Amino acid sequence: MGHAAEILGVTQAFLRSLDAAKLLTPGRSEGGHRRYSRYQLRIAARARELVDQGTALDSACRIIILEDQLAEARRINTELQRTHRPQTDGAGPTLG
């Protein structure tokens, strides 16, 4: 956790607050130390950015969750568009 806080330029207390807010759920080492994934570090960095801009922590967490949901919805939409495109033979629509 200390290394993650150092990388992000935040305090360990800030990372614990993200854990308490349920924005991050870090893994644990055998010794019980918090272990953060790269994705979680990106989320923590985004939270710090919002808090530094004056956003309350609970609001920052909600914004991040909504941004993540939007990104996932866009990814799913793109995948559905790719897999459900009508097959054409290049001659245009058929009139009947």
PDB file of N, CA and C in Angstrom:
ATOM      1  N   MET A   1       0.819  -1.184   0.000  1.00  0.00           N
ATOM      2  CA  MET A   1       0.000   0.000   0.000  1.00  0.00           C
ATOM      3  C   MET A   1       0.866   1.251   0.000  1.00  0.00           C
ATOM      4  N   GLY A   2       1.944   1.222   0.740  1.00  0.00           N
ATOM      5  CA  GLY A   2       2.840   2.368   0.774  1.00  0.00           C
ATOM      6  C   GLY A   2       3.403   2.695  -0.596  1.00  0.00           C
ATOM      7  N   HIS A   3       3.762   1.659  -1.334  1.00  0.00           N
ATOM      8  CA  HIS A   3       4.312   1.862  -2.679  1.00  0.00           C
ATOM      9  C   HIS A   3       3.247   2.423  -3.612  1.00  0.00           C
ATOM     10  N   ALA A   4       2.029   1.909  -3.521  1.00  0.00           N
ATOM     11  CA  ALA A   4       0.930   2.408  -4.356  1.00  0.00           C
ATOM     12  C   ALA A   4       0.666   3.879  -4.046  1.00  0.00           C
ATOM     13  N   ALA A   5       0.656   4.230  -2.766  1.00  0.00           N
ATOM     14  CA  ALA A   5       0.430   5.624  -2.370  1.00  0.00           C
ATOM     15  C   ALA A   5       1.541   6.517  -2.912  1.00  0.00           C
ATOM     16  N   GLU A   6       2.761   6.026  -2.853  1.00  0.00           N
ATOM     17  CA  GLU A   6       3.907   6.790  -3.355  1.00  0.00           C
ATOM     18  C   GLU A   6       3.798   7.009  -4.864  1.00  0.00           C
ATOM     19  N   ILE A   7       3.454   5.964  -5.603  1.00  0.00           N
ATOM     20  CA  ILE A   7       3.300   6.055  -7.058  1.00  0.00           C
ATOM     21  C   ILE A   7       2.256   7.115  -7.424  1.00  0.00           C
ATOM     22  N   LEU A   8       1.147   7.130  -6.682  1.00  0.00           N
ATOM     23  CA  LEU A   8       0.035   8.028  -6.993  1.00  0.00           C
ATOM     24  C   LEU A   8       0.209   9.427  -6.386  1.00  0.00           C
ATOM     25  N   GLY A   9       1.124   9.551  -5.456  1.00  0.00           N
ATOM     26  CA  GLY A   9       1.291  10.834  -4.787  1.00  0.00           C
ATOM     27  C   GLY A   9       0.167  11.139  -3.815  1.00  0.00           C
ATOM     28  N   VAL A  10      -0.350  10.096  -3.178  1.00  0.00           N
ATOM     29  CA  VAL A  10      -1.425  10.250  -2.197  1.00  0.00           C
ATOM     30  C   VAL A  10      -0.969   9.634  -0.875  1.00  0.00           C
ATOM     31  N   THR A  11      -1.776   9.841   0.138  1.00  0.00           N
ATOM     32  CA  THR A  11      -1.484   9.222   1.422  1.00  0.00           C
ATOM     33  C   THR A  11      -2.099   7.826   1.471  1.00  0.00           C
ATOM     34  N   GLN A  12      -1.582   7.019   2.368  1.00  0.00           N
ATOM     35  CA  GLN A  12      -2.172   5.699   2.572  1.00  0.00           C
ATOM     36  C   GLN A  12      -3.607   5.837   3.071  1.00  0.00           C
ATOM     37  N   ALA A  13      -3.859   6.883   3.848  1.00  0.00           N
ATOM     38  CA  ALA A  13      -5.215   7.126   4.348  1.00  0.00           C
ATOM     39  C   ALA A  13      -6.191   7.366   3.191  1.00  0.00           C
ATOM     40  N   PHE A  14      -5.722   8.048   2.132  1.00  0.00           N
ATOM     41  CA  PHE A  14      -6.582   8.275   0.970  1.00  0.00           C
ATOM     42  C   PHE A  14      -6.951   6.942   0.330  1.00  0.00           C
ATOM     43  N   LEU A  15      -5.977   6.052   0.164  1.00  0.00           N
ATOM     44  CA  LEU A  15      -6.269   4.737  -0.418  1.00  0.00           C
ATOM     45  C   LEU A  15      -7.219   3.943   0.485  1.00  0.00           C
ATOM     46  N   ARG A  16      -7.026   4.032   1.790  1.00  0.00           N
ATOM     47  CA  ARG A  16      -7.945   3.344   2.711  1.00  0.00           C
ATOM     48  C   ARG A  16      -9.351   3.912   2.587  1.00  0.00           C
ATOM     49  N   SER A  17      -9.463   5.235   2.350  1.00  0.00           N
ATOM     50  CA  SER A  17     -10.789   5.846   2.205  1.00  0.00           C
ATOM     51  C   SER A  17     -11.490   5.349   0.942  1.00  0.00           C
ATOM     52  N   LEU A  18     -10.728   5.085  -0.114  1.00  0.00           N
ATOM     53  CA  LEU A  18     -11.324   4.527  -1.336  1.00  0.00           C
ATOM     54  C   LEU A  18     -11.802   3.107  -1.089  1.00  0.00           C
ATOM     55  N   ASP A  19     -11.062   2.372  -0.275  1.00  0.00           N
ATOM     56  CA  ASP A  19     -11.455   1.015   0.118  1.00  0.00           C
ATOM     57  C   ASP A  19     -12.728   1.087   0.966  1.00  0.00           C
ATOM     58  N   ALA A  20     -12.765   2.004   1.938  1.00  0.00           N
ATOM     59  CA  ALA A  20     -13.939   2.161   2.806  1.00  0.00           C
ATOM     60  C   ALA A  20     -15.166   2.584   2.006  1.00  0.00           C
ATOM     61  N   ALA A  21     -14.953   3.393   0.962  1.00  0.00           N
ATOM     62  CA  ALA A  21     -16.059   3.845   0.109  1.00  0.00           C
ATOM     63  C   ALA A  21     -16.488   2.765  -0.880  1.00  0.00           C
ATOM     64  N   LYS A  22     -15.797   1.639  -0.872  1.00  0.00           N
ATOM     65  CA  LYS A  22     -16.071   0.489  -1.746  1.00  0.00           C
ATOM     66  C   LYS A  22     -15.807   0.788  -3.222  1.00  0.00           C
ATOM     67  N   LEU A  23     -14.966   1.807  -3.480  1.00  0.00           N
ATOM     68  CA  LEU A  23     -14.568   2.085  -4.859  1.00  0.00           C
ATOM     69  C   LEU A  23     -13.516   1.075  -5.292  1.00  0.00           C
ATOM     70  N   LEU A  24     -12.641   0.724  -4.376  1.00  0.00           N
ATOM     71  CA  LEU A  24     -11.589  -0.261  -4.639  1.00  0.00           C
ATOM     72  C   LEU A  24     -11.692  -1.383  -3.615  1.00  0.00           C
ATOM     73  N   THR A  25     -11.437  -2.579  -4.067  1.00  0.00           N
ATOM     74  CA  THR A  25     -11.322  -3.711  -3.156  1.00  0.00           C
ATOM     75  C   THR A  25     -10.011  -4.405  -3.495  1.00  0.00           C
ATOM     76  N   PRO A  26      -8.931  -3.937  -2.885  1.00  0.00           N
ATOM     77  CA  PRO A  26      -7.632  -4.515  -3.222  1.00  0.00           C
ATOM     78  C   PRO A  26      -7.516  -5.949  -2.745  1.00  0.00           C
ATOM     79  N   GLY A  27      -6.674  -6.687  -3.459  1.00  0.00           N
ATOM     80  CA  GLY A  27      -6.366  -8.034  -3.000  1.00  0.00           C
ATOM     81  C   GLY A  27      -5.506  -7.935  -1.754  1.00  0.00           C
ATOM     82  N   ARG A  28      -5.239  -9.062  -1.160  1.00  0.00           N
ATOM     83  CA  ARG A  28      -4.404  -9.087   0.050  1.00  0.00           C
ATOM     84  C   ARG A  28      -3.281 -10.090  -0.130  1.00  0.00           C
ATOM     85  N   SER A  29      -2.113  -9.711   0.365  1.00  0.00           N
ATOM     86  CA  SER A  29      -0.981 -10.640   0.374  1.00  0.00           C
ATOM     87  C   SER A  29      -1.187 -11.619   1.529  1.00  0.00           C
ATOM     88  N   GLU A  30      -0.347 -12.634   1.593  1.00  0.00           N
ATOM     89  CA  GLU A  30      -0.455 -13.588   2.691  1.00  0.00           C
ATOM     90  C   GLU A  30      -0.280 -12.900   4.038  1.00  0.00           C
ATOM     91  N   GLY A  31       0.486 -11.826   4.051  1.00  0.00           N
ATOM     92  CA  GLY A  31       0.692 -11.065   5.282  1.00  0.00           C
ATOM     93  C   GLY A  31      -0.409 -10.070   5.580  1.00  0.00           C
ATOM     94  N   GLY A  32      -1.414  -9.985   4.694  1.00  0.00           N
ATOM     95  CA  GLY A  32      -2.545  -9.094   4.911  1.00  0.00           C
ATOM     96  C   GLY A  32      -2.385  -7.703   4.317  1.00  0.00           C
ATOM     97  N   HIS A  33      -1.301  -7.475   3.581  1.00  0.00           N
ATOM     98  CA  HIS A  33      -1.079  -6.161   2.972  1.00  0.00           C
ATOM     99  C   HIS A  33      -1.957  -5.992   1.738  1.00  0.00           C
ATOM    100  N   ARG A  34      -2.451  -4.778   1.555  1.00  0.00           N
ATOM    101  CA  ARG A  34      -3.280  -4.493   0.374  1.00  0.00           C
ATOM    102  C   ARG A  34      -2.419  -4.553  -0.881  1.00  0.00           C
ATOM    103  N   ARG A  35      -2.973  -5.166  -1.933  1.00  0.00           N
ATOM    104  CA  ARG A  35      -2.290  -5.277  -3.224  1.00  0.00           C
ATOM    105  C   ARG A  35      -3.223  -4.701  -4.281  1.00  0.00           C
ATOM    106  N   TYR A  36      -2.749  -3.709  -5.032  1.00  0.00           N
ATOM    107  CA  TYR A  36      -3.566  -3.027  -6.029  1.00  0.00           C
ATOM    108  C   TYR A  36      -3.172  -3.438  -7.442  1.00  0.00           C
ATOM    109  N   SER A  37      -4.180  -3.656  -8.276  1.00  0.00           N
ATOM    110  CA  SER A  37      -3.929  -3.945  -9.690  1.00  0.00           C
ATOM    111  C   SER A  37      -3.674  -2.627 -10.417  1.00  0.00           C
ATOM    112  N   ARG A  38      -3.190  -2.714 -11.637  1.00  0.00           N
ATOM    113  CA  ARG A  38      -2.987  -1.499 -12.440  1.00  0.00           C
ATOM    114  C   ARG A  38      -4.307  -0.772 -12.672  1.00  0.00           C
ATOM    115  N   TYR A  39      -5.349  -1.534 -12.911  1.00  0.00           N
ATOM    116  CA  TYR A  39      -6.673  -0.939 -13.095  1.00  0.00           C
ATOM    117  C   TYR A  39      -7.079  -0.166 -11.837  1.00  0.00           C
ATOM    118  N   GLN A  40      -6.883  -0.758 -10.672  1.00  0.00           N
ATOM    119  CA  GLN A  40      -7.247  -0.086  -9.429  1.00  0.00           C
ATOM    120  C   GLN A  40      -6.403   1.170  -9.211  1.00  0.00           C
ATOM    121  N   LEU A  41      -5.147   1.130  -9.610  1.00  0.00           N
ATOM    122  CA  LEU A  41      -4.305   2.325  -9.501  1.00  0.00           C
ATOM    123  C   LEU A  41      -4.811   3.434 -10.418  1.00  0.00           C
ATOM    124  N   ARG A  42      -5.287   3.066 -11.625  1.00  0.00           N
ATOM    125  CA  ARG A  42      -5.863   4.075 -12.530  1.00  0.00           C
ATOM    126  C   ARG A  42      -7.126   4.685 -11.917  1.00  0.00           C
ATOM    127  N   ILE A  43      -7.950   3.849 -11.284  1.00  0.00           N
ATOM    128  CA  ILE A  43      -9.170   4.331 -10.630  1.00  0.00           C
ATOM    129  C   ILE A  43      -8.805   5.281  -9.480  1.00  0.00           C
ATOM    130  N   ALA A  44      -7.819   4.892  -8.695  1.00  0.00           N
ATOM    131  CA  ALA A  44      -7.380   5.736  -7.575  1.00  0.00           C
ATOM    132  C   ALA A  44      -6.833   7.066  -8.079  1.00  0.00           C
ATOM    133  N   ALA A  45      -6.100   7.031  -9.186  1.00  0.00           N
ATOM    134  CA  ALA A  45      -5.562   8.270  -9.763  1.00  0.00           C
ATOM    135  C   ALA A  45      -6.701   9.172 -10.227  1.00  0.00           C
ATOM    136  N   ARG A  46      -7.732   8.588 -10.816  1.00  0.00           N
ATOM    137  CA  ARG A  46      -8.894   9.368 -11.266  1.00  0.00           C
ATOM    138  C   ARG A  46      -9.607   9.975 -10.059  1.00  0.00           C
ATOM    139  N   ALA A  47      -9.730   9.210  -8.980  1.00  0.00           N
ATOM    140  CA  ALA A  47     -10.360   9.724  -7.762  1.00  0.00           C
ATOM    141  C   ALA A  47      -9.563  10.909  -7.214  1.00  0.00           C
ATOM    142  N   ARG A  48      -8.256  10.766  -7.199  1.00  0.00           N
ATOM    143  CA  ARG A  48      -7.412  11.863  -6.710  1.00  0.00           C
ATOM    144  C   ARG A  48      -7.607  13.111  -7.577  1.00  0.00           C
ATOM    145  N   GLU A  49      -7.659  12.922  -8.887  1.00  0.00           N
ATOM    146  CA  GLU A  49      -7.859  14.043  -9.811  1.00  0.00           C
ATOM    147  C   GLU A  49      -9.150  14.782  -9.492  1.00  0.00           C
ATOM    148  N   LEU A  50     -10.231  14.027  -9.290  1.00  0.00           N
ATOM    149  CA  LEU A  50     -11.526  14.647  -8.996  1.00  0.00           C
ATOM    150  C   LEU A  50     -11.519  15.349  -7.644  1.00  0.00           C
ATOM    151  N   VAL A  51     -10.933  14.708  -6.645  1.00  0.00           N
ATOM    152  CA  VAL A  51     -10.865  15.309  -5.308  1.00  0.00           C
ATOM    153  C   VAL A  51     -10.007  16.573  -5.342  1.00  0.00           C
ATOM    154  N   ASP A  52      -8.912  16.529  -6.083  1.00  0.00           N
ATOM    155  CA  ASP A  52      -8.054  17.717  -6.214  1.00  0.00           C
ATOM    156  C   ASP A  52      -8.797  18.877  -6.873  1.00  0.00           C
ATOM    157  N   GLN A  53      -9.791  18.558  -7.698  1.00  0.00           N
ATOM    158  CA  GLN A  53     -10.590  19.594  -8.370  1.00  0.00           C
ATOM    159  C   GLN A  53     -11.721  20.104  -7.472  1.00  0.00           C
ATOM    160  N   GLY A  54     -11.802  19.551  -6.256  1.00  0.00           N
ATOM    161  CA  GLY A  54     -12.814  20.027  -5.309  1.00  0.00           C
ATOM    162  C   GLY A  54     -14.051  19.157  -5.193  1.00  0.00           C
ATOM    163  N   THR A  55     -14.068  18.017  -5.852  1.00  0.00           N
ATOM    164  CA  THR A  55     -15.209  17.112  -5.779  1.00  0.00           C
ATOM    165  C   THR A  55     -15.145  16.338  -4.470  1.00  0.00           C
ATOM    166  N   ALA A  56     -16.263  16.221  -3.791  1.00  0.00           N
ATOM    167  CA  ALA A  56     -16.321  15.430  -2.552  1.00  0.00           C
ATOM    168  C   ALA A  56     -16.009  13.969  -2.875  1.00  0.00           C
ATOM    169  N   LEU A  57     -15.398  13.281  -1.933  1.00  0.00           N
ATOM    170  CA  LEU A  57     -14.971  11.898  -2.170  1.00  0.00           C
ATOM    171  C   LEU A  57     -16.134  11.000  -2.585  1.00  0.00           C
ATOM    172  N   ASP A  58     -17.277  11.090  -1.892  1.00  0.00           N
ATOM    173  CA  ASP A  58     -18.403  10.232  -2.262  1.00  0.00           C
ATOM    174  C   ASP A  58     -18.912  10.548  -3.660  1.00  0.00           C
ATOM    175  N   SER A  59     -18.899  11.823  -4.035  1.00  0.00           N
ATOM    176  CA  SER A  59     -19.304  12.210  -5.387  1.00  0.00           C
ATOM    177  C   SER A  59     -18.289  11.723  -6.412  1.00  0.00           C
ATOM    178  N   ALA A  60     -17.010  11.830  -6.087  1.00  0.00           N
ATOM    179  CA  ALA A  60     -15.956  11.353  -6.990  1.00  0.00           C
ATOM    180  C   ALA A  60     -16.119   9.858  -7.233  1.00  0.00           C
ATOM    181  N   CYS A  61     -16.415   9.119  -6.183  1.00  0.00           N
ATOM    182  CA  CYS A  61     -16.608   7.667  -6.327  1.00  0.00           C
ATOM    183  C   CYS A  61     -17.788   7.372  -7.247  1.00  0.00           C
ATOM    184  N   ARG A  62     -18.870   8.109  -7.082  1.00  0.00           N
ATOM    185  CA  ARG A  62     -20.057   7.895  -7.929  1.00  0.00           C
ATOM    186  C   ARG A  62     -19.750   8.236  -9.385  1.00  0.00           C
ATOM    187  N   ILE A  63     -19.036   9.334  -9.610  1.00  0.00           N
ATOM    188  CA  ILE A  63     -18.652   9.729 -10.972  1.00  0.00           C
ATOM    189  C   ILE A  63     -17.824   8.625 -11.623  1.00  0.00           C
ATOM    190  N   ILE A  64     -16.863   8.101 -10.892  1.00  0.00           N
ATOM    191  CA  ILE A  64     -15.988   7.057 -11.434  1.00  0.00           C
ATOM    192  C   ILE A  64     -16.778   5.800 -11.762  1.00  0.00           C
ATOM    193  N   ILE A  65     -17.690   5.429 -10.887  1.00  0.00           N
ATOM    194  CA  ILE A  65     -18.528   4.244 -11.147  1.00  0.00           C
ATOM    195  C   ILE A  65     -19.353   4.458 -12.410  1.00  0.00           C
ATOM    196  N   LEU A  66     -19.949   5.643 -12.560  1.00  0.00           N
ATOM    197  CA  LEU A  66     -20.747   5.936 -13.755  1.00  0.00           C
ATOM    198  C   LEU A  66     -19.886   5.967 -15.015  1.00  0.00           C
ATOM    199  N   GLU A  67     -18.691   6.542 -14.920  1.00  0.00           N
ATOM    200  CA  GLU A  67     -17.783   6.543 -16.072  1.00  0.00           C
ATOM    201  C   GLU A  67     -17.422   5.119 -16.476  1.00  0.00           C
ATOM    202  N   ASP A  68     -17.178   4.280 -15.494  1.00  0.00           N
ATOM    203  CA  ASP A  68     -16.824   2.882 -15.765  1.00  0.00           C
ATOM    204  C   ASP A  68     -18.005   2.140 -16.403  1.00  0.00           C
ATOM    205  N   GLN A  69     -19.209   2.384 -15.898  1.00  0.00           N
ATOM    206  CA  GLN A  69     -20.399   1.744 -16.474  1.00  0.00           C
ATOM    207  C   GLN A  69     -20.629   2.204 -17.905  1.00  0.00           C
ATOM    208  N   LEU A  70     -20.414   3.489 -18.166  1.00  0.00           N
ATOM    209  CA  LEU A  70     -20.573   4.017 -19.518  1.00  0.00           C
ATOM    210  C   LEU A  70     -19.558   3.387 -20.468  1.00  0.00           C
ATOM    211  N   ALA A  71     -18.323   3.285 -20.022  1.00  0.00           N
ATOM    212  CA  ALA A  71     -17.285   2.670 -20.860  1.00  0.00           C
ATOM    213  C   ALA A  71     -17.641   1.214 -21.171  1.00  0.00           C
ATOM    214  N   GLU A  72     -18.147   0.497 -20.183  1.00  0.00           N
ATOM    215  CA  GLU A  72     -18.537  -0.900 -20.402  1.00  0.00           C
ATOM    216  C   GLU A  72     -19.721  -0.996 -21.360  1.00  0.00           C
ATOM    217  N   ALA A  73     -20.705  -0.105 -21.210  1.00  0.00           N
ATOM    218  CA  ALA A  73     -21.863  -0.102 -22.107  1.00  0.00           C
ATOM    219  C   ALA A  73     -21.429   0.195 -23.544  1.00  0.00           C
ATOM    220  N   ARG A  74     -20.503   1.121 -23.705  1.00  0.00           N
ATOM    221  CA  ARG A  74     -20.000   1.429 -25.050  1.00  0.00           C
ATOM    222  C   ARG A  74     -19.259   0.234 -25.640  1.00  0.00           C
ATOM    223  N   ARG A  75     -18.467  -0.454 -24.804  1.00  0.00           N
ATOM    224  CA  ARG A  75     -17.749  -1.637 -25.279  1.00  0.00           C
ATOM    225  C   ARG A  75     -18.730  -2.711 -25.730  1.00  0.00           C
ATOM    226  N   ILE A  76     -19.763  -2.948 -24.940  1.00  0.00           N
ATOM    227  CA  ILE A  76     -20.775  -3.951 -25.292  1.00  0.00           C
ATOM    228  C   ILE A  76     -21.509  -3.535 -26.566  1.00  0.00           C
ATOM    229  N   ASN A  77     -21.866  -2.264 -26.687  1.00  0.00           N
ATOM    230  CA  ASN A  77     -22.555  -1.776 -27.870  1.00  0.00           C
ATOM    231  C   ASN A  77     -21.711  -1.991 -29.124  1.00  0.00           C
ATOM    232  N   THR A  78     -20.435  -1.658 -29.028  1.00  0.00           N
ATOM    233  CA  THR A  78     -19.533  -1.852 -30.165  1.00  0.00           C
ATOM    234  C   THR A  78     -19.461  -3.329 -30.539  1.00  0.00           C
ATOM    235  N   GLU A  79     -19.349  -4.187 -29.558  1.00  0.00           N
ATOM    236  CA  GLU A  79     -19.276  -5.635 -29.812  1.00  0.00           C
ATOM    237  C   GLU A  79     -20.568  -6.137 -30.450  1.00  0.00           C
ATOM    238  N   LEU A  80     -21.707  -5.681 -29.960  1.00  0.00           N
ATOM    239  CA  LEU A  80     -22.988  -6.103 -30.534  1.00  0.00           C
ATOM    240  C   LEU A  80     -23.145  -5.612 -31.966  1.00  0.00           C
ATOM    241  N   GLN A  81     -22.722  -4.386 -32.226  1.00  0.00           N
ATOM    242  CA  GLN A  81     -22.793  -3.865 -33.591  1.00  0.00           C
ATOM    243  C   GLN A  81     -21.908  -4.683 -34.519  1.00  0.00           C
ATOM    244  N   ARG A  82     -20.763  -5.085 -34.043  1.00  0.00           N
ATOM    245  CA  ARG A  82     -19.832  -5.857 -34.865  1.00  0.00           C
ATOM    246  C   ARG A  82     -20.376  -7.262 -35.156  1.00  0.00           C
ATOM    247  N   THR A  83     -20.988  -7.879 -34.177  1.00  0.00           N
ATOM    248  CA  THR A  83     -21.446  -9.262 -34.354  1.00  0.00           C
ATOM    249  C   THR A  83     -22.832  -9.376 -34.966  1.00  0.00           C
ATOM    250  N   HIS A  84     -23.597  -8.300 -35.011  1.00  0.00           N
ATOM    251  CA  HIS A  84     -24.959  -8.379 -35.531  1.00  0.00           C
ATOM    252  C   HIS A  84     -25.179  -7.532 -36.777  1.00  0.00           C
ATOM    253  N   ARG A  85     -24.122  -7.218 -37.479  1.00  0.00           N
ATOM    254  CA  ARG A  85     -24.274  -6.489 -38.738  1.00  0.00           C
ATOM    255  C   ARG A  85     -24.901  -7.403 -39.775  1.00  0.00           C
ATOM    256  N   PRO A  86     -25.860  -6.893 -40.551  1.00  0.00           N
ATOM    257  CA  PRO A  86     -26.430  -7.722 -41.616  1.00  0.00           C
ATOM    258  C   PRO A  86     -25.377  -8.031 -42.680  1.00  0.00           C
ATOM    259  N   GLN A  87     -25.393  -9.233 -43.164  1.00  0.00           N
ATOM    260  CA  GLN A  87     -24.469  -9.649 -44.208  1.00  0.00           C
ATOM    261  C   GLN A  87     -24.964  -9.095 -45.550  1.00  0.00           C
ATOM    262  N   THR A  88     -24.074  -8.471 -46.290  1.00  0.00           N
ATOM    263  CA  THR A  88     -24.438  -7.990 -47.612  1.00  0.00           C
ATOM    264  C   THR A  88     -23.470  -8.564 -48.626  1.00  0.00           C
ATOM    265  N   ASP A  89     -23.923  -8.643 -49.873  1.00  0.00           N
ATOM    266  CA  ASP A  89     -23.051  -9.171 -50.935  1.00  0.00           C
ATOM    267  C   ASP A  89     -22.404  -8.028 -51.714  1.00  0.00           C
ATOM    268  N   GLY A  90     -22.587  -6.807 -51.209  1.00  0.00           N
ATOM    269  CA  GLY A  90     -21.952  -5.666 -51.857  1.00  0.00           C
ATOM    270  C   GLY A  90     -22.804  -5.077 -52.978  1.00  0.00           C
ATOM    271  N   ALA A  91     -23.943  -5.712 -53.317  1.00  0.00           N
ATOM    272  CA  ALA A  91     -24.780  -5.232 -54.417  1.00  0.00           C
ATOM    273  C   ALA A  91     -25.864  -4.287 -53.943  1.00  0.00           C
ATOM    274  N   GLY A  92     -25.903  -4.012 -52.650  1.00  0.00           N
ATOM    275  CA  GLY A  92     -26.944  -3.122 -52.129  1.00  0.00           C
ATOM    276  C   GLY A  92     -28.152  -3.902 -51.691  1.00  0.00           C
ATOM    277  N   PRO A  93     -29.179  -3.198 -51.229  1.00  0.00           N
ATOM    278  CA  PRO A  93     -30.376  -3.883 -50.723  1.00  0.00           C
ATOM    279  C   PRO A  93     -31.159  -4.539 -51.858  1.00  0.00           C
ATOM    280  N   THR A  94     -31.808  -5.618 -51.496  1.00  0.00           N
ATOM    281  CA  THR A  94     -32.640  -6.339 -52.461  1.00  0.00           C
ATOM    282  C   THR A  94     -34.069  -5.843 -52.326  1.00  0.00           C
ATOM    283  N   LEU A  95     -34.688  -5.492 -53.450  1.00  0.00           N
ATOM    284  CA  LEU A  95     -36.064  -5.049 -53.453  1.00  0.00           C
ATOM    285  C   LEU A  95     -36.946  -6.182 -53.911  1.00  0.00           C
ATOM    286  N   GLY A  96     -38.063  -6.319 -53.260  1.00  0.00           N
ATOM    287  CA  GLY A  96     -38.883  -7.459 -53.622  1.00  0.00           C
ATOM    288  C   GLY A  96     -40.250  -7.141 -54.049  1.00  0.00           C
TER     289      GLY A  96
END
